[in-house]
């Protein structure tokens, strides 16, 4: 959902002019920033909840804390970029895709690493 949301931002002005009511158009850039952060924090909260419920091993949070949390925190600086700054918007999309890919790899590694022998 976060990847789809951030991909709507570069086209926000054109979408609004064409009458498309995407979330980026409806919420504006401040709303997109809030929702993006909420989606990312929600994913982290679900992972922490699974560890607390013993659905995932405790060590699985190490990768999230060491890699994904700092990446998300550093990427939030300067968000949302100015709509005219296409390069900054594309970098933000790339960071979002990177976070998504790392999260998927984390989940696969955790599931493979926690299988009973």
C-alpha atoms as a PDB file:
ATOM      1  CA  UNK A   1       0.000   0.000   0.000  1.00  0.00           C
ATOM      2  CA  UNK A   2       2.843   2.393   0.817  1.00  0.00           C
ATOM      3  CA  UNK A   3       4.512   1.733  -2.538  1.00  0.00           C
ATOM      4  CA  UNK A   4       1.266   2.422  -4.389  1.00  0.00           C
ATOM      5  CA  UNK A   5       0.667   5.560  -2.352  1.00  0.00           C
ATOM      6  CA  UNK A   6       4.085   7.064  -2.996  1.00  0.00           C
ATOM      7  CA  UNK A   7       3.793   6.242  -6.707  1.00  0.00           C
ATOM      8  CA  UNK A   8       0.708   8.463  -6.908  1.00  0.00           C
ATOM      9  CA  UNK A   9       2.556  11.576  -5.745  1.00  0.00           C
ATOM     10  CA  UNK A  10       4.437  12.534  -8.952  1.00  0.00           C
ATOM     11  CA  UNK A  11       1.192  12.452 -10.948  1.00  0.00           C
ATOM     12  CA  UNK A  12      -0.896  14.293  -8.362  1.00  0.00           C
ATOM     13  CA  UNK A  13      -1.248  17.542 -10.309  1.00  0.00           C
ATOM     14  CA  UNK A  14      -2.094  15.824 -13.604  1.00  0.00           C
ATOM     15  CA  UNK A  15      -4.519  13.473 -11.854  1.00  0.00           C
ATOM     16  CA  UNK A  16      -6.321  16.394 -10.229  1.00  0.00           C
ATOM     17  CA  UNK A  17      -6.572  18.212 -13.570  1.00  0.00           C
ATOM     18  CA  UNK A  18      -8.016  15.062 -15.182  1.00  0.00           C
ATOM     19  CA  UNK A  19     -10.556  14.630 -12.385  1.00  0.00           C
ATOM     20  CA  UNK A  20      -8.934  11.530 -10.910  1.00  0.00           C
ATOM     21  CA  UNK A  21      -9.494  11.353  -7.165  1.00  0.00           C
ATOM     22  CA  UNK A  22      -6.474   9.346  -6.033  1.00  0.00           C
ATOM     23  CA  UNK A  23      -5.441   9.389  -2.382  1.00  0.00           C
ATOM     24  CA  UNK A  24      -2.611  11.786  -3.223  1.00  0.00           C
ATOM     25  CA  UNK A  25      -5.132  14.194  -4.761  1.00  0.00           C
ATOM     26  CA  UNK A  26      -7.695  13.847  -1.975  1.00  0.00           C
ATOM     27  CA  UNK A  27      -5.275  14.038   0.944  1.00  0.00           C
ATOM     28  CA  UNK A  28      -2.680  16.451  -0.408  1.00  0.00           C
ATOM     29  CA  UNK A  29       1.012  16.096   0.320  1.00  0.00           C
ATOM     30  CA  UNK A  30       0.737  16.514   4.125  1.00  0.00           C
ATOM     31  CA  UNK A  31      -1.915  13.796   4.260  1.00  0.00           C
ATOM     32  CA  UNK A  32       0.158  11.479   2.075  1.00  0.00           C
ATOM     33  CA  UNK A  33       3.117  11.964   4.390  1.00  0.00           C
ATOM     34  CA  UNK A  34       0.990  11.091   7.415  1.00  0.00           C
ATOM     35  CA  UNK A  35      -0.573   8.031   5.772  1.00  0.00           C
ATOM     36  CA  UNK A  36       2.774   6.786   4.442  1.00  0.00           C
ATOM     37  CA  UNK A  37       4.298   6.981   7.910  1.00  0.00           C
ATOM     38  CA  UNK A  38       1.263   5.274   9.441  1.00  0.00           C
ATOM     39  CA  UNK A  39       1.480   2.420   6.929  1.00  0.00           C
ATOM     40  CA  UNK A  40       5.169   1.878   7.627  1.00  0.00           C
ATOM     41  CA  UNK A  41       4.720   2.083  11.400  1.00  0.00           C
ATOM     42  CA  UNK A  42       1.743  -0.255  11.146  1.00  0.00           C
ATOM     43  CA  UNK A  43       3.875  -2.863   9.389  1.00  0.00           C
ATOM     44  CA  UNK A  44       6.524  -2.577  12.113  1.00  0.00           C
ATOM     45  CA  UNK A  45       3.849  -2.854  14.807  1.00  0.00           C
ATOM     46  CA  UNK A  46       2.459  -6.026  13.228  1.00  0.00           C
ATOM     47  CA  UNK A  47       5.951  -7.552  13.190  1.00  0.00           C
ATOM     48  CA  UNK A  48       6.489  -6.586  16.838  1.00  0.00           C
ATOM     49  CA  UNK A  49       3.070  -8.012  17.705  1.00  0.00           C
ATOM     50  CA  UNK A  50       3.930 -11.303  16.034  1.00  0.00           C
ATOM     51  CA  UNK A  51       7.123 -11.496  18.072  1.00  0.00           C
ATOM     52  CA  UNK A  52       5.217 -10.692  21.265  1.00  0.00           C
ATOM     53  CA  UNK A  53       2.651 -13.381  20.402  1.00  0.00           C
ATOM     54  CA  UNK A  54       5.518 -15.791  19.665  1.00  0.00           C
ATOM     55  CA  UNK A  55       4.472 -16.084  16.032  1.00  0.00           C
ATOM     56  CA  UNK A  56       7.965 -14.944  15.040  1.00  0.00           C
ATOM     57  CA  UNK A  57      11.249 -15.488  16.914  1.00  0.00           C
ATOM     58  CA  UNK A  58      12.642 -12.593  18.978  1.00  0.00           C
ATOM     59  CA  UNK A  59      15.788 -12.354  16.870  1.00  0.00           C
ATOM     60  CA  UNK A  60      13.713 -11.458  13.817  1.00  0.00           C
ATOM     61  CA  UNK A  61      13.338  -7.881  15.070  1.00  0.00           C
ATOM     62  CA  UNK A  62      17.110  -7.321  14.910  1.00  0.00           C
ATOM     63  CA  UNK A  63      17.075  -6.871  11.127  1.00  0.00           C
ATOM     64  CA  UNK A  64      14.134  -4.496  11.357  1.00  0.00           C
ATOM     65  CA  UNK A  65      15.798  -2.367  13.998  1.00  0.00           C
ATOM     66  CA  UNK A  66      19.250  -2.408  12.368  1.00  0.00           C
ATOM     67  CA  UNK A  67      18.280  -1.965   8.708  1.00  0.00           C
ATOM     68  CA  UNK A  68      14.710  -0.947   8.004  1.00  0.00           C
ATOM     69  CA  UNK A  69      14.033   1.502  10.829  1.00  0.00           C
ATOM     70  CA  UNK A  70      17.107   3.689  10.108  1.00  0.00           C
ATOM     71  CA  UNK A  71      16.349   3.555   6.374  1.00  0.00           C
ATOM     72  CA  UNK A  72      12.794   4.716   6.968  1.00  0.00           C
ATOM     73  CA  UNK A  73      13.884   7.395   9.421  1.00  0.00           C
ATOM     74  CA  UNK A  74      16.508   8.806   7.071  1.00  0.00           C
ATOM     75  CA  UNK A  75      14.165   8.728   4.096  1.00  0.00           C
ATOM     76  CA  UNK A  76      11.499  10.799   5.893  1.00  0.00           C
ATOM     77  CA  UNK A  77      13.786  13.843   5.873  1.00  0.00           C
ATOM     78  CA  UNK A  78      12.608  16.252   3.223  1.00  0.00           C
ATOM     79  CA  UNK A  79       9.391  14.377   2.505  1.00  0.00           C
ATOM     80  CA  UNK A  80       7.324  15.268   0.676  1.00  0.00           C
ATOM     81  CA  UNK A  81       9.658  16.711  -1.932  1.00  0.00           C
ATOM     82  CA  UNK A  82       8.493  19.686  -3.928  1.00  0.00           C
ATOM     83  CA  UNK A  83       6.219  18.462  -6.736  1.00  0.00           C
ATOM     84  CA  UNK A  84       8.501  20.124  -9.294  1.00  0.00           C
ATOM     85  CA  UNK A  85      11.536  18.194  -7.975  1.00  0.00           C
ATOM     86  CA  UNK A  86      10.991  15.079 -10.088  1.00  0.00           C
ATOM     87  CA  UNK A  87      14.400  13.619  -9.171  1.00  0.00           C
ATOM     88  CA  UNK A  88      13.614  13.806  -5.441  1.00  0.00           C
ATOM     89  CA  UNK A  89      10.208  12.208  -6.008  1.00  0.00           C
ATOM     90  CA  UNK A  90      11.803   9.362  -7.967  1.00  0.00           C
ATOM     91  CA  UNK A  91      14.397   8.835  -5.204  1.00  0.00           C
ATOM     92  CA  UNK A  92      11.529   8.583  -2.725  1.00  0.00           C
ATOM     93  CA  UNK A  93       9.837   5.952  -4.848  1.00  0.00           C
ATOM     94  CA  UNK A  94      13.114   4.028  -5.027  1.00  0.00           C
ATOM     95  CA  UNK A  95      13.524   4.164  -1.240  1.00  0.00           C
ATOM     96  CA  UNK A  96       9.964   2.906  -0.810  1.00  0.00           C
ATOM     97  CA  UNK A  97      10.606   0.027  -3.189  1.00  0.00           C
ATOM     98  CA  UNK A  98      13.845  -0.750  -1.353  1.00  0.00           C
ATOM     99  CA  UNK A  99      12.072  -0.833   2.010  1.00  0.00           C
ATOM    100  CA  UNK A 100       9.404  -3.119   0.551  1.00  0.00           C
ATOM    101  CA  UNK A 101      11.991  -5.471  -0.982  1.00  0.00           C
ATOM    102  CA  UNK A 102      14.079  -5.604   2.195  1.00  0.00           C
ATOM    103  CA  UNK A 103      10.947  -6.287   4.224  1.00  0.00           C
ATOM    104  CA  UNK A 104      10.005  -9.193   1.957  1.00  0.00           C
ATOM    105  CA  UNK A 105      13.530 -10.625   2.144  1.00  0.00           C
ATOM    106  CA  UNK A 106      13.435 -10.231   5.930  1.00  0.00           C
ATOM    107  CA  UNK A 107      10.176 -12.161   6.145  1.00  0.00           C
ATOM    108  CA  UNK A 108      11.466 -14.992   3.938  1.00  0.00           C
ATOM    109  CA  UNK A 109      14.700 -15.215   5.961  1.00  0.00           C
ATOM    110  CA  UNK A 110      12.790 -15.261   9.241  1.00  0.00           C
ATOM    111  CA  UNK A 111      10.377 -17.932   8.044  1.00  0.00           C
ATOM    112  CA  UNK A 112      13.187 -20.109   6.690  1.00  0.00           C
ATOM    113  CA  UNK A 113      15.360 -19.524   9.758  1.00  0.00           C
ATOM    114  CA  UNK A 114      12.624 -20.363  12.255  1.00  0.00           C
ATOM    115  CA  UNK A 115      11.454 -23.644  10.739  1.00  0.00           C
ATOM    116  CA  UNK A 116      11.691 -26.588  13.091  1.00  0.00           C
ATOM    117  CA  UNK A 117      14.414 -29.077  12.232  1.00  0.00           C
END
